[in-house]
């Protein structure tokens, strides 16, 4: 079953690569053992700045893809079935029937939204730190505080994302090849309609039929 187009996989690959380089270079800048091991601080700073600046570029280029825009709309929709999924996740109820999901489950939607927001905040605070003439010193101090702590939060979120991907080989295959097994899709994403209407329409309850009158 087709899950992701080539353009979507390329957007994910380049975004993941840039994010990994940005986080790795940040670790080399802020952790003394890594800083001593790598050295070349000026080069590491340059790599960190440009990799962070380029993170939004793959997604912006991906907007030219109809499939990518369609998945963005799916990620931006949060319906009743997503709230059911979250409640089941909080209760650690792993039964497939207790976690209804469309093409993307509620956890994936929240992660995508959080990542997009965090990337924008990191970009803004990073620019304030890079171009010191853009804002007064108190603003730059606040930007540095937000940038550093949000970087730690992003690193934790990325590690969690990778660990969940490692636990689901079929999901990784879908991102690597674009296709997934039909039985996996029915089990993990039962509300997904690849060739039909959107998830929201698919799960909308059908109107009840009027009661039939009995013939006398």
Protein backbone atom coordinates (compact mmCIF):
# COMPACT_ATOMS: atom_id res chain seq x y z
CA UNK A 1 0.00 0.00 0.00
CA UNK A 2 1.41 3.36 -1.03
CA UNK A 3 1.97 5.67 1.95
CA UNK A 4 4.48 8.38 1.00
CA UNK A 5 5.52 9.91 -2.31
CA UNK A 6 9.13 10.39 -3.35
CA UNK A 7 8.96 14.12 -2.62
CA UNK A 8 7.67 13.49 0.90
CA UNK A 9 10.45 11.02 1.61
CA UNK A 10 13.05 13.51 0.36
CA UNK A 11 11.61 16.25 2.57
CA UNK A 12 11.82 13.93 5.57
CA UNK A 13 15.36 12.79 4.70
CA UNK A 14 16.80 16.28 4.27
CA UNK A 15 14.96 17.70 7.28
CA UNK A 16 16.17 14.82 9.45
CA UNK A 17 19.74 15.23 8.18
CA UNK A 18 19.82 18.97 8.82
CA UNK A 19 18.26 18.52 12.26
CA UNK A 20 20.80 15.84 13.15
CA UNK A 21 23.71 18.01 12.02
CA UNK A 22 22.32 21.00 13.92
CA UNK A 23 21.88 19.04 17.15
CA UNK A 24 25.26 17.31 16.83
CA UNK A 25 27.07 20.60 16.24
CA UNK A 26 25.19 22.14 19.19
CA UNK A 27 26.39 19.31 21.41
CA UNK A 28 29.98 19.95 20.25
CA UNK A 29 29.59 23.61 21.20
CA UNK A 30 28.01 23.15 24.65
CA UNK A 31 29.54 19.93 26.00
CA UNK A 32 33.21 20.44 26.96
CA UNK A 33 34.33 16.81 26.32
CA UNK A 34 32.94 16.92 22.77
CA UNK A 35 34.29 20.42 22.21
CA UNK A 36 37.79 19.25 23.15
CA UNK A 37 37.47 16.13 21.02
CA UNK A 38 36.26 17.92 17.87
CA UNK A 39 38.01 21.29 18.16
CA UNK A 40 37.70 23.75 15.25
CA UNK A 41 35.10 25.77 17.13
CA UNK A 42 34.72 28.38 14.40
CA UNK A 43 33.93 25.68 11.81
CA UNK A 44 31.47 23.98 14.16
CA UNK A 45 29.71 27.32 14.80
CA UNK A 46 29.40 27.90 11.05
CA UNK A 47 28.00 24.41 10.47
CA UNK A 48 25.54 24.87 13.33
CA UNK A 49 24.33 28.24 12.10
CA UNK A 50 23.79 27.23 8.49
CA UNK A 51 22.25 23.83 9.24
CA UNK A 52 19.76 25.52 11.57
CA UNK A 53 18.99 28.21 9.03
CA UNK A 54 18.33 25.60 6.32
CA UNK A 55 16.02 23.32 8.34
CA UNK A 56 12.78 24.94 7.04
CA UNK A 57 13.95 24.86 3.42
CA UNK A 58 13.01 21.21 2.58
CA UNK A 59 9.46 21.73 3.86
CA UNK A 60 9.12 24.98 1.91
CA UNK A 61 10.29 23.25 -1.27
CA UNK A 62 7.98 20.34 -0.51
CA UNK A 63 4.97 22.64 -0.78
CA UNK A 64 5.32 22.24 -4.54
CA UNK A 65 4.21 18.60 -4.06
CA UNK A 66 0.47 17.93 -3.99
CA UNK A 67 1.01 14.82 -1.83
CA UNK A 68 3.02 16.79 0.70
CA UNK A 69 0.37 19.50 0.93
CA UNK A 70 -2.30 16.83 1.40
CA UNK A 71 -0.42 15.27 4.30
CA UNK A 72 0.08 18.69 5.89
CA UNK A 73 -3.70 19.10 5.87
CA UNK A 74 -4.10 15.71 7.53
CA UNK A 75 -1.53 16.60 10.19
CA UNK A 76 -3.36 19.85 10.87
CA UNK A 77 -6.70 18.16 11.57
CA UNK A 78 -7.47 16.91 15.06
CA UNK A 79 -10.74 15.00 15.38
CA UNK A 80 -12.62 13.02 18.03
CA UNK A 81 -10.76 9.83 17.12
CA UNK A 82 -7.47 11.59 17.94
CA UNK A 83 -8.70 12.42 21.43
CA UNK A 84 -9.66 8.76 21.85
CA UNK A 85 -6.15 7.76 20.74
CA UNK A 86 -4.55 10.11 23.29
CA UNK A 87 -6.73 8.85 26.13
CA UNK A 88 -5.79 5.28 25.28
CA UNK A 89 -2.11 6.21 25.07
CA UNK A 90 -2.25 7.84 28.51
CA UNK A 91 -3.89 4.69 29.90
CA UNK A 92 -1.21 2.61 28.10
CA UNK A 93 -3.97 0.72 26.33
CA UNK A 94 -2.18 -0.79 23.32
CA UNK A 95 -5.16 -2.55 21.77
CA UNK A 96 -5.53 -1.46 18.11
CA UNK A 97 -9.28 -1.02 18.61
CA UNK A 98 -8.63 1.47 21.42
CA UNK A 99 -6.36 3.63 19.26
CA UNK A 100 -8.26 4.70 16.13
CA UNK A 101 -6.05 6.61 13.71
CA UNK A 102 -6.12 7.91 10.18
CA UNK A 103 -3.00 8.16 8.09
CA UNK A 104 -1.34 9.83 11.08
CA UNK A 105 -2.17 9.10 14.69
CA UNK A 106 -2.60 11.78 17.34
CA UNK A 107 0.95 11.35 18.63
CA UNK A 108 2.40 11.95 15.19
CA UNK A 109 0.22 15.02 14.74
CA UNK A 110 1.33 16.51 18.05
CA UNK A 111 4.98 15.77 17.30
CA UNK A 112 4.74 17.40 13.87
CA UNK A 113 3.06 20.52 15.28
CA UNK A 114 5.51 20.80 18.15
CA UNK A 115 8.52 20.31 15.86
CA UNK A 116 7.33 22.95 13.41
CA UNK A 117 6.72 25.47 16.21
CA UNK A 118 10.01 24.67 17.93
CA UNK A 119 11.94 25.03 14.67
CA UNK A 120 10.49 28.50 14.10
CA UNK A 121 11.31 29.61 17.65
CA UNK A 122 14.84 28.21 17.32
CA UNK A 123 15.26 30.03 14.03
CA UNK A 124 14.09 33.34 15.48
CA UNK A 125 16.19 33.12 18.65
CA UNK A 126 19.17 31.91 16.65
CA UNK A 127 19.01 34.91 14.35
CA UNK A 128 18.94 37.23 17.35
CA UNK A 129 22.07 35.53 18.67
CA UNK A 130 23.77 35.51 15.27
CA UNK A 131 23.09 39.10 14.27
CA UNK A 132 23.77 41.00 17.48
CA UNK A 133 22.57 44.29 16.05
CA UNK A 134 18.98 43.10 15.60
CA UNK A 135 17.96 43.57 19.23
CA UNK A 136 19.18 45.06 22.52
CA UNK A 137 21.18 43.02 25.02
CA UNK A 138 18.23 41.97 27.26
CA UNK A 139 16.45 40.52 24.24
CA UNK A 140 19.56 38.62 23.16
CA UNK A 141 20.02 37.28 26.69
CA UNK A 142 16.43 36.01 26.72
CA UNK A 143 16.86 34.56 23.24
CA UNK A 144 19.96 32.67 24.39
CA UNK A 145 18.08 31.23 27.39
CA UNK A 146 15.13 30.09 25.25
CA UNK A 147 17.40 28.76 22.49
CA UNK A 148 19.49 26.64 24.86
CA UNK A 149 16.61 25.07 26.79
CA UNK A 150 14.49 24.50 23.71
CA UNK A 151 17.47 22.79 22.07
CA UNK A 152 17.56 20.32 24.96
CA UNK A 153 13.82 19.71 24.62
CA UNK A 154 14.20 19.17 20.87
CA UNK A 155 17.02 16.69 21.44
CA UNK A 156 14.84 14.70 23.85
CA UNK A 157 11.91 14.76 21.39
CA UNK A 158 14.10 13.65 18.49
CA UNK A 159 15.56 10.78 20.53
CA UNK A 160 12.03 9.67 21.45
CA UNK A 161 10.98 9.90 17.81
CA UNK A 162 13.93 7.75 16.71
CA UNK A 163 13.28 5.17 19.44
CA UNK A 164 9.64 4.82 18.38
CA UNK A 165 10.72 4.46 14.76
CA UNK A 166 13.20 1.73 15.72
CA UNK A 167 10.37 -0.14 17.44
CA UNK A 168 8.24 -0.14 14.26
CA UNK A 169 10.07 -1.64 11.26
CA UNK A 170 7.04 -1.32 8.99
CA UNK A 171 6.76 2.41 9.64
CA UNK A 172 10.46 2.78 8.80
CA UNK A 173 9.93 0.82 5.59
CA UNK A 174 7.10 3.15 4.66
CA UNK A 175 9.36 6.17 5.02
CA UNK A 176 12.24 4.43 3.26
CA UNK A 177 10.41 2.90 0.31
CA UNK A 178 7.06 4.73 0.32
CA UNK A 179 4.99 1.55 0.75
CA UNK A 180 3.68 -0.42 3.74
CA UNK A 181 1.95 -3.74 4.21
CA UNK A 182 -1.83 -3.58 3.94
CA UNK A 183 -2.38 -5.57 7.16
CA UNK A 184 -0.13 -3.12 9.09
CA UNK A 185 -2.12 -0.17 7.72
CA UNK A 186 -5.44 -1.78 8.70
CA UNK A 187 -4.13 -2.55 12.19
CA UNK A 188 -2.30 0.69 13.01
CA UNK A 189 -4.27 3.20 10.90
CA UNK A 190 -7.76 1.71 10.46
CA UNK A 191 -9.37 5.04 9.48
CA UNK A 192 -6.91 5.76 6.71
CA UNK A 193 -8.48 5.87 3.25
CA UNK A 194 -5.56 6.09 0.77
CA UNK A 195 -7.71 6.43 -2.34
CA UNK A 196 -10.88 7.83 -0.85
CA UNK A 197 -12.05 10.79 1.15
CA UNK A 198 -10.23 12.41 4.04
CA UNK A 199 -10.09 10.79 7.46
CA UNK A 200 -12.48 13.31 8.93
CA UNK A 201 -15.12 12.48 6.37
CA UNK A 202 -14.44 8.79 6.65
CA UNK A 203 -15.15 8.73 10.39
CA UNK A 204 -18.13 11.07 10.28
CA UNK A 205 -21.16 9.13 11.54
CA UNK A 206 -23.72 8.37 8.91
CA UNK A 207 -27.24 9.70 9.57
CA UNK A 208 -29.61 7.22 11.06
CA UNK A 209 -32.29 5.86 8.77
CA UNK A 210 -35.85 6.87 9.65
CA UNK A 211 -37.85 4.08 11.25
CA UNK A 212 -39.91 2.06 8.84
CA UNK A 213 -43.64 1.81 9.35
CA UNK A 214 -44.95 -1.65 9.74
CA UNK A 215 -47.51 -2.73 7.23
CA UNK A 216 -50.86 -3.73 8.63
